[in-house]
């Protein structure tokens, strides 16, 4: 189901939107919808990553478990060579 969402913009922003839409041979509606979709996806991804980071931090604070730089480098080098395996 689609609904209409009104957004007030100043004249300068409206002109920029119109110019970009014309240059891309798209409608202003398409530009707005695409921009909003991309923004939401980016911010939702950042929020998920932040939650994952906080969970990792809490795990470390409780257990002290960590991966050394040397272990991480060795694991990344294996991945770069196409080898699979755990970092442990």
PDB file of N, CA and C in Angstrom:
ATOM      1  N   UNK A   1       0.832  -1.167   0.000  1.00  0.00           N
ATOM      2  CA  UNK A   1       0.000   0.000   0.000  1.00  0.00           C
ATOM      3  C   UNK A   1       0.885   1.242   0.000  1.00  0.00           C
ATOM      4  N   UNK A   2       0.610   2.162  -0.864  1.00  0.00           N
ATOM      5  CA  UNK A   2       1.371   3.396  -0.950  1.00  0.00           C
ATOM      6  C   UNK A   2       0.550   4.546  -0.375  1.00  0.00           C
ATOM      7  N   UNK A   3       1.237   5.429   0.310  1.00  0.00           N
ATOM      8  CA  UNK A   3       0.586   6.621   0.828  1.00  0.00           C
ATOM      9  C   UNK A   3       1.406   7.840   0.430  1.00  0.00           C
ATOM     10  N   UNK A   4       0.782   8.981   0.464  1.00  0.00           N
ATOM     11  CA  UNK A   4       1.450  10.227   0.124  1.00  0.00           C
ATOM     12  C   UNK A   4       2.083  10.814   1.376  1.00  0.00           C
ATOM     13  N   UNK A   5       3.296  11.324   1.210  1.00  0.00           N
ATOM     14  CA  UNK A   5       4.022  11.948   2.300  1.00  0.00           C
ATOM     15  C   UNK A   5       4.427  13.335   1.826  1.00  0.00           C
ATOM     16  N   UNK A   6       3.996  14.357   2.511  1.00  0.00           N
ATOM     17  CA  UNK A   6       4.331  15.720   2.115  1.00  0.00           C
ATOM     18  C   UNK A   6       5.582  16.214   2.810  1.00  0.00           C
ATOM     19  N   UNK A   7       6.450  16.867   2.049  1.00  0.00           N
ATOM     20  CA  UNK A   7       7.677  17.429   2.590  1.00  0.00           C
ATOM     21  C   UNK A   7       7.797  18.866   2.090  1.00  0.00           C
ATOM     22  N   UNK A   8       7.970  19.799   3.001  1.00  0.00           N
ATOM     23  CA  UNK A   8       8.144  21.192   2.609  1.00  0.00           C
ATOM     24  C   UNK A   8       9.614  21.450   2.336  1.00  0.00           C
ATOM     25  N   UNK A   9       9.889  22.033   1.183  1.00  0.00           N
ATOM     26  CA  UNK A   9      11.257  22.402   0.818  1.00  0.00           C
ATOM     27  C   UNK A   9      11.254  23.857   0.353  1.00  0.00           C
ATOM     28  N   UNK A  10      12.408  24.498   0.459  1.00  0.00           N
ATOM     29  CA  UNK A  10      12.481  25.879  -0.014  1.00  0.00           C
ATOM     30  C   UNK A  10      12.618  25.897  -1.537  1.00  0.00           C
ATOM     31  N   UNK A  11      12.491  27.078  -2.097  1.00  0.00           N
ATOM     32  CA  UNK A  11      12.514  27.209  -3.557  1.00  0.00           C
ATOM     33  C   UNK A  11      13.830  26.739  -4.161  1.00  0.00           C
ATOM     34  N   UNK A  12      14.933  27.026  -3.502  1.00  0.00           N
ATOM     35  CA  UNK A  12      16.240  26.631  -4.034  1.00  0.00           C
ATOM     36  C   UNK A  12      16.360  25.116  -4.116  1.00  0.00           C
ATOM     37  N   UNK A  13      15.908  24.424  -3.088  1.00  0.00           N
ATOM     38  CA  UNK A  13      15.982  22.966  -3.101  1.00  0.00           C
ATOM     39  C   UNK A  13      15.056  22.389  -4.170  1.00  0.00           C
ATOM     40  N   UNK A  14      13.889  22.974  -4.307  1.00  0.00           N
ATOM     41  CA  UNK A  14      12.947  22.518  -5.327  1.00  0.00           C
ATOM     42  C   UNK A  14      13.535  22.705  -6.728  1.00  0.00           C
ATOM     43  N   UNK A  15      14.217  23.831  -6.953  1.00  0.00           N
ATOM     44  CA  UNK A  15      14.856  24.072  -8.252  1.00  0.00           C
ATOM     45  C   UNK A  15      15.974  23.078  -8.510  1.00  0.00           C
ATOM     46  N   UNK A  16      16.774  22.799  -7.490  1.00  0.00           N
ATOM     47  CA  UNK A  16      17.849  21.813  -7.640  1.00  0.00           C
ATOM     48  C   UNK A  16      17.277  20.443  -7.967  1.00  0.00           C
ATOM     49  N   UNK A  17      16.209  20.080  -7.284  1.00  0.00           N
ATOM     50  CA  UNK A  17      15.552  18.799  -7.530  1.00  0.00           C
ATOM     51  C   UNK A  17      15.055  18.717  -8.970  1.00  0.00           C
ATOM     52  N   UNK A  18      14.410  19.768  -9.415  1.00  0.00           N
ATOM     53  CA  UNK A  18      13.901  19.798 -10.786  1.00  0.00           C
ATOM     54  C   UNK A  18      15.011  19.714 -11.815  1.00  0.00           C
ATOM     55  N   UNK A  19      16.104  20.429 -11.572  1.00  0.00           N
ATOM     56  CA  UNK A  19      17.234  20.410 -12.505  1.00  0.00           C
ATOM     57  C   UNK A  19      17.862  19.020 -12.586  1.00  0.00           C
ATOM     58  N   UNK A  20      18.029  18.384 -11.440  1.00  0.00           N
ATOM     59  CA  UNK A  20      18.613  17.040 -11.433  1.00  0.00           C
ATOM     60  C   UNK A  20      17.684  16.042 -12.106  1.00  0.00           C
ATOM     61  N   UNK A  21      16.411  16.150 -11.832  1.00  0.00           N
ATOM     62  CA  UNK A  21      15.436  15.248 -12.453  1.00  0.00           C
ATOM     63  C   UNK A  21      15.472  15.388 -13.967  1.00  0.00           C
ATOM     64  N   UNK A  22      15.551  16.620 -14.435  1.00  0.00           N
ATOM     65  CA  UNK A  22      15.608  16.847 -15.884  1.00  0.00           C
ATOM     66  C   UNK A  22      16.901  16.296 -16.474  1.00  0.00           C
ATOM     67  N   UNK A  23      18.006  16.528 -15.797  1.00  0.00           N
ATOM     68  CA  UNK A  23      19.304  16.040 -16.282  1.00  0.00           C
ATOM     69  C   UNK A  23      19.342  14.520 -16.344  1.00  0.00           C
ATOM     70  N   UNK A  24      18.679  13.861 -15.417  1.00  0.00           N
ATOM     71  CA  UNK A  24      18.668  12.396 -15.376  1.00  0.00           C
ATOM     72  C   UNK A  24      17.503  11.799 -16.154  1.00  0.00           C
ATOM     73  N   UNK A  25      16.677  12.652 -16.724  1.00  0.00           N
ATOM     74  CA  UNK A  25      15.483  12.209 -17.441  1.00  0.00           C
ATOM     75  C   UNK A  25      14.603  11.342 -16.534  1.00  0.00           C
ATOM     76  N   UNK A  26      14.432  11.825 -15.318  1.00  0.00           N
ATOM     77  CA  UNK A  26      13.594  11.178 -14.314  1.00  0.00           C
ATOM     78  C   UNK A  26      12.639  12.217 -13.744  1.00  0.00           C
ATOM     79  N   UNK A  27      11.689  11.754 -12.979  1.00  0.00           N
ATOM     80  CA  UNK A  27      10.773  12.685 -12.330  1.00  0.00           C
ATOM     81  C   UNK A  27      11.343  13.102 -10.973  1.00  0.00           C
ATOM     82  N   UNK A  28      10.936  14.273 -10.489  1.00  0.00           N
ATOM     83  CA  UNK A  28      11.348  14.639  -9.129  1.00  0.00           C
ATOM     84  C   UNK A  28      10.916  13.582  -8.112  1.00  0.00           C
ATOM     85  N   UNK A  29       9.759  12.991  -8.306  1.00  0.00           N
ATOM     86  CA  UNK A  29       9.269  11.936  -7.413  1.00  0.00           C
ATOM     87  C   UNK A  29      10.267  10.783  -7.362  1.00  0.00           C
ATOM     88  N   UNK A  30      10.777  10.366  -8.516  1.00  0.00           N
ATOM     89  CA  UNK A  30      11.741   9.266  -8.581  1.00  0.00           C
ATOM     90  C   UNK A  30      13.013   9.626  -7.812  1.00  0.00           C
ATOM     91  N   UNK A  31      13.496  10.867  -8.003  1.00  0.00           N
ATOM     92  CA  UNK A  31      14.714  11.313  -7.314  1.00  0.00           C
ATOM     93  C   UNK A  31      14.501  11.277  -5.797  1.00  0.00           C
ATOM     94  N   UNK A  32      13.382  11.804  -5.343  1.00  0.00           N
ATOM     95  CA  UNK A  32      13.096  11.847  -3.900  1.00  0.00           C
ATOM     96  C   UNK A  32      12.980  10.440  -3.335  1.00  0.00           C
ATOM     97  N   UNK A  33      12.230   9.580  -4.019  1.00  0.00           N
ATOM     98  CA  UNK A  33      12.033   8.219  -3.522  1.00  0.00           C
ATOM     99  C   UNK A  33      13.355   7.454  -3.478  1.00  0.00           C
ATOM    100  N   UNK A  34      14.180   7.609  -4.512  1.00  0.00           N
ATOM    101  CA  UNK A  34      15.479   6.940  -4.553  1.00  0.00           C
ATOM    102  C   UNK A  34      16.384   7.449  -3.434  1.00  0.00           C
ATOM    103  N   UNK A  35      16.424   8.759  -3.254  1.00  0.00           N
ATOM    104  CA  UNK A  35      17.267   9.346  -2.201  1.00  0.00           C
ATOM    105  C   UNK A  35      16.822   8.871  -0.822  1.00  0.00           C
ATOM    106  N   UNK A  36      15.536   8.855  -0.592  1.00  0.00           N
ATOM    107  CA  UNK A  36      15.016   8.424   0.703  1.00  0.00           C
ATOM    108  C   UNK A  36      15.302   6.948   0.957  1.00  0.00           C
ATOM    109  N   UNK A  37      15.114   6.128  -0.056  1.00  0.00           N
ATOM    110  CA  UNK A  37      15.384   4.689   0.073  1.00  0.00           C
ATOM    111  C   UNK A  37      16.858   4.443   0.389  1.00  0.00           C
ATOM    112  N   UNK A  38      17.752   5.096  -0.362  1.00  0.00           N
ATOM    113  CA  UNK A  38      19.183   4.911  -0.131  1.00  0.00           C
ATOM    114  C   UNK A  38      19.595   5.405   1.254  1.00  0.00           C
ATOM    115  N   UNK A  39      19.051   6.529   1.685  1.00  0.00           N
ATOM    116  CA  UNK A  39      19.362   7.060   3.010  1.00  0.00           C
ATOM    117  C   UNK A  39      18.913   6.087   4.097  1.00  0.00           C
ATOM    118  N   UNK A  40      17.684   5.598   3.988  1.00  0.00           N
ATOM    119  CA  UNK A  40      17.176   4.674   5.001  1.00  0.00           C
ATOM    120  C   UNK A  40      17.997   3.395   5.050  1.00  0.00           C
ATOM    121  N   UNK A  41      18.346   2.838   3.895  1.00  0.00           N
ATOM    122  CA  UNK A  41      19.150   1.616   3.867  1.00  0.00           C
ATOM    123  C   UNK A  41      20.506   1.846   4.530  1.00  0.00           C
ATOM    124  N   UNK A  42      21.136   2.978   4.227  1.00  0.00           N
ATOM    125  CA  UNK A  42      22.446   3.291   4.813  1.00  0.00           C
ATOM    126  C   UNK A  42      22.340   3.463   6.331  1.00  0.00           C
ATOM    127  N   UNK A  43      21.364   4.211   6.782  1.00  0.00           N
ATOM    128  CA  UNK A  43      21.226   4.461   8.216  1.00  0.00           C
ATOM    129  C   UNK A  43      20.796   3.205   8.981  1.00  0.00           C
ATOM    130  N   UNK A  44      19.938   2.384   8.376  1.00  0.00           N
ATOM    131  CA  UNK A  44      19.553   1.116   9.018  1.00  0.00           C
ATOM    132  C   UNK A  44      20.751   0.188   9.137  1.00  0.00           C
ATOM    133  N   UNK A  45      21.610   0.169   8.096  1.00  0.00           N
ATOM    134  CA  UNK A  45      22.825  -0.649   8.154  1.00  0.00           C
ATOM    135  C   UNK A  45      23.747  -0.145   9.260  1.00  0.00           C
ATOM    136  N   UNK A  46      23.907   1.175   9.360  1.00  0.00           N
ATOM    137  CA  UNK A  46      24.742   1.733  10.425  1.00  0.00           C
ATOM    138  C   UNK A  46      24.197   1.381  11.805  1.00  0.00           C
ATOM    139  N   UNK A  47      22.879   1.425  11.950  1.00  0.00           N
ATOM    140  CA  UNK A  47      22.267   1.093  13.240  1.00  0.00           C
ATOM    141  C   UNK A  47      22.490  -0.381  13.579  1.00  0.00           C
ATOM    142  N   UNK A  48      22.337  -1.278  12.577  1.00  0.00           N
ATOM    143  CA  UNK A  48      22.606  -2.706  12.820  1.00  0.00           C
ATOM    144  C   UNK A  48      24.063  -2.916  13.233  1.00  0.00           C
ATOM    145  N   UNK A  49      24.987  -2.247  12.518  1.00  0.00           N
ATOM    146  CA  UNK A  49      26.401  -2.396  12.839  1.00  0.00           C
ATOM    147  C   UNK A  49      26.711  -1.868  14.229  1.00  0.00           C
ATOM    148  N   UNK A  50      26.077  -0.765  14.602  1.00  0.00           N
ATOM    149  CA  UNK A  50      26.287  -0.218  15.942  1.00  0.00           C
ATOM    150  C   UNK A  50      25.822  -1.217  17.003  1.00  0.00           C
ATOM    151  N   UNK A  51      24.660  -1.823  16.796  1.00  0.00           N
ATOM    152  CA  UNK A  51      24.158  -2.810  17.751  1.00  0.00           C
ATOM    153  C   UNK A  51      25.089  -4.010  17.836  1.00  0.00           C
ATOM    154  N   UNK A  52      25.609  -4.455  16.681  1.00  0.00           N
ATOM    155  CA  UNK A  52      26.554  -5.575  16.676  1.00  0.00           C
ATOM    156  C   UNK A  52      27.835  -5.197  17.416  1.00  0.00           C
ATOM    157  N   UNK A  53      28.311  -3.977  17.187  1.00  0.00           N
ATOM    158  CA  UNK A  53      29.521  -3.519  17.886  1.00  0.00           C
ATOM    159  C   UNK A  53      29.305  -3.495  19.396  1.00  0.00           C
ATOM    160  N   UNK A  54      28.152  -3.004  19.817  1.00  0.00           N
ATOM    161  CA  UNK A  54      27.866  -2.946  21.250  1.00  0.00           C
ATOM    162  C   UNK A  54      27.780  -4.352  21.846  1.00  0.00           C
ATOM    163  N   UNK A  55      27.183  -5.301  21.108  1.00  0.00           N
ATOM    164  CA  UNK A  55      27.105  -6.682  21.590  1.00  0.00           C
ATOM    165  C   UNK A  55      28.508  -7.279  21.699  1.00  0.00           C
ATOM    166  N   UNK A  56      29.371  -6.979  20.713  1.00  0.00           N
ATOM    167  CA  UNK A  56      30.751  -7.477  20.781  1.00  0.00           C
ATOM    168  C   UNK A  56      31.481  -6.882  21.984  1.00  0.00           C
ATOM    169  N   UNK A  57      31.279  -5.585  22.205  1.00  0.00           N
ATOM    170  CA  UNK A  57      31.929  -4.931  23.337  1.00  0.00           C
ATOM    171  C   UNK A  57      31.472  -5.548  24.653  1.00  0.00           C
ATOM    172  N   UNK A  58      30.169  -5.773  24.772  1.00  0.00           N
ATOM    173  CA  UNK A  58      29.639  -6.381  25.997  1.00  0.00           C
ATOM    174  C   UNK A  58      30.212  -7.778  26.186  1.00  0.00           C
ATOM    175  N   UNK A  59      30.336  -8.545  25.093  1.00  0.00           N
ATOM    176  CA  UNK A  59      30.926  -9.887  25.181  1.00  0.00           C
ATOM    177  C   UNK A  59      32.369  -9.790  25.662  1.00  0.00           C
ATOM    178  N   UNK A  60      33.118  -8.860  25.108  1.00  0.00           N
ATOM    179  CA  UNK A  60      34.504  -8.680  25.528  1.00  0.00           C
ATOM    180  C   UNK A  60      34.576  -8.264  26.997  1.00  0.00           C
ATOM    181  N   UNK A  61      33.706  -7.330  27.392  1.00  0.00           N
ATOM    182  CA  UNK A  61      33.720  -6.859  28.781  1.00  0.00           C
ATOM    183  C   UNK A  61      33.423  -8.000  29.753  1.00  0.00           C
ATOM    184  N   UNK A  62      32.560  -8.925  29.360  1.00  0.00           N
ATOM    185  CA  UNK A  62      32.213 -10.045  30.231  1.00  0.00           C
ATOM    186  C   UNK A  62      33.250 -11.156  30.222  1.00  0.00           C
ATOM    187  N   UNK A  63      33.847 -11.425  29.045  1.00  0.00           N
ATOM    188  CA  UNK A  63      34.712 -12.597  28.915  1.00  0.00           C
ATOM    189  C   UNK A  63      36.185 -12.271  28.761  1.00  0.00           C
ATOM    190  N   UNK A  64      36.494 -11.074  28.279  1.00  0.00           N
ATOM    191  CA  UNK A  64      37.886 -10.735  27.994  1.00  0.00           C
ATOM    192  C   UNK A  64      38.390 -11.381  26.707  1.00  0.00           C
ATOM    193  N   UNK A  65      37.540 -12.146  26.037  1.00  0.00           N
ATOM    194  CA  UNK A  65      37.939 -12.816  24.801  1.00  0.00           C
ATOM    195  C   UNK A  65      38.179 -11.785  23.709  1.00  0.00           C
ATOM    196  N   UNK A  66      39.289 -11.950  23.005  1.00  0.00           N
ATOM    197  CA  UNK A  66      39.634 -11.024  21.941  1.00  0.00           C
ATOM    198  C   UNK A  66      40.489 -11.741  20.903  1.00  0.00           C
ATOM    199  N   UNK A  67      40.745 -11.063  19.809  1.00  0.00           N
ATOM    200  CA  UNK A  67      41.612 -11.584  18.755  1.00  0.00           C
ATOM    201  C   UNK A  67      42.783 -10.621  18.636  1.00  0.00           C
ATOM    202  N   UNK A  68      43.993 -11.133  18.679  1.00  0.00           N
ATOM    203  CA  UNK A  68      45.170 -10.277  18.558  1.00  0.00           C
ATOM    204  C   UNK A  68      45.322  -9.813  17.114  1.00  0.00           C
ATOM    205  N   UNK A  69      46.084  -8.761  16.921  1.00  0.00           N
ATOM    206  CA  UNK A  69      46.339  -8.251  15.574  1.00  0.00           C
ATOM    207  C   UNK A  69      47.043  -9.310  14.728  1.00  0.00           C
ATOM    208  N   UNK A  70      47.948 -10.043  15.328  1.00  0.00           N
ATOM    209  CA  UNK A  70      48.682 -11.076  14.592  1.00  0.00           C
ATOM    210  C   UNK A  70      47.736 -12.180  14.116  1.00  0.00           C
ATOM    211  N   UNK A  71      46.838 -12.595  14.988  1.00  0.00           N
ATOM    212  CA  UNK A  71      45.873 -13.639  14.624  1.00  0.00           C
ATOM    213  C   UNK A  71      44.960 -13.143  13.514  1.00  0.00           C
ATOM    214  N   UNK A  72      44.494 -11.907  13.635  1.00  0.00           N
ATOM    215  CA  UNK A  72      43.618 -11.338  12.608  1.00  0.00           C
ATOM    216  C   UNK A  72      44.344 -11.238  11.276  1.00  0.00           C
ATOM    217  N   UNK A  73      45.604 -10.779  11.290  1.00  0.00           N
ATOM    218  CA  UNK A  73      46.385 -10.677  10.050  1.00  0.00           C
ATOM    219  C   UNK A  73      46.568 -12.040   9.395  1.00  0.00           C
ATOM    220  N   UNK A  74      46.887 -13.049  10.178  1.00  0.00           N
ATOM    221  CA  UNK A  74      47.070 -14.393   9.629  1.00  0.00           C
ATOM    222  C   UNK A  74      45.777 -14.894   8.995  1.00  0.00           C
ATOM    223  N   UNK A  75      44.665 -14.668   9.668  1.00  0.00           N
ATOM    224  CA  UNK A  75      43.363 -15.099   9.149  1.00  0.00           C
ATOM    225  C   UNK A  75      43.023 -14.360   7.856  1.00  0.00           C
ATOM    226  N   UNK A  76      43.248 -13.040   7.830  1.00  0.00           N
ATOM    227  CA  UNK A  76      42.961 -12.258   6.620  1.00  0.00           C
ATOM    228  C   UNK A  76      43.854 -12.679   5.460  1.00  0.00           C
ATOM    229  N   UNK A  77      45.112 -13.010   5.743  1.00  0.00           N
ATOM    230  CA  UNK A  77      46.007 -13.486   4.688  1.00  0.00           C
ATOM    231  C   UNK A  77      45.505 -14.802   4.102  1.00  0.00           C
ATOM    232  N   UNK A  78      44.990 -15.691   4.953  1.00  0.00           N
ATOM    233  CA  UNK A  78      44.414 -16.951   4.460  1.00  0.00           C
ATOM    234  C   UNK A  78      43.216 -16.671   3.559  1.00  0.00           C
ATOM    235  N   UNK A  79      42.360 -15.765   3.994  1.00  0.00           N
ATOM    236  CA  UNK A  79      41.188 -15.423   3.183  1.00  0.00           C
ATOM    237  C   UNK A  79      41.603 -14.841   1.842  1.00  0.00           C
ATOM    238  N   UNK A  80      42.635 -14.002   1.846  1.00  0.00           N
ATOM    239  CA  UNK A  80      43.112 -13.391   0.606  1.00  0.00           C
ATOM    240  C   UNK A  80      43.629 -14.445  -0.368  1.00  0.00           C
ATOM    241  N   UNK A  81      44.148 -15.543   0.165  1.00  0.00           N
ATOM    242  CA  UNK A  81      44.650 -16.634  -0.676  1.00  0.00           C
ATOM    243  C   UNK A  81      43.543 -17.599  -1.082  1.00  0.00           C
ATOM    244  N   UNK A  82      42.324 -17.327  -0.629  1.00  0.00           N
ATOM    245  CA  UNK A  82      41.201 -18.198  -0.976  1.00  0.00           C
ATOM    246  C   UNK A  82      41.017 -19.358  -0.025  1.00  0.00           C
ATOM    247  N   UNK A  83      41.802 -19.393   1.028  1.00  0.00           N
ATOM    248  CA  UNK A  83      41.673 -20.470   2.008  1.00  0.00           C
ATOM    249  C   UNK A  83      40.547 -20.134   2.975  1.00  0.00           C
ATOM    250  N   UNK A  84      39.911 -21.137   3.473  1.00  0.00           N
ATOM    251  CA  UNK A  84      38.832 -20.937   4.446  1.00  0.00           C
ATOM    252  C   UNK A  84      39.297 -21.448   5.805  1.00  0.00           C
ATOM    253  N   UNK A  85      38.670 -20.968   6.809  1.00  0.00           N
ATOM    254  CA  UNK A  85      39.001 -21.423   8.154  1.00  0.00           C
ATOM    255  C   UNK A  85      38.652 -20.370   9.173  1.00  0.00           C
ATOM    256  N   UNK A  86      38.691 -20.769  10.385  1.00  0.00           N
ATOM    257  CA  UNK A  86      38.361 -19.891  11.493  1.00  0.00           C
ATOM    258  C   UNK A  86      39.568 -19.065  11.878  1.00  0.00           C
ATOM    259  N   UNK A  87      39.342 -17.961  12.522  1.00  0.00           N
ATOM    260  CA  UNK A  87      40.438 -17.136  13.017  1.00  0.00           C
ATOM    261  C   UNK A  87      41.023 -17.721  14.295  1.00  0.00           C
ATOM    262  N   UNK A  88      40.369 -18.718  14.860  1.00  0.00           N
ATOM    263  CA  UNK A  88      40.855 -19.308  16.113  1.00  0.00           C
ATOM    264  C   UNK A  88      41.881 -20.360  15.865  1.00  0.00           C
TER     265      UNK A  88
END
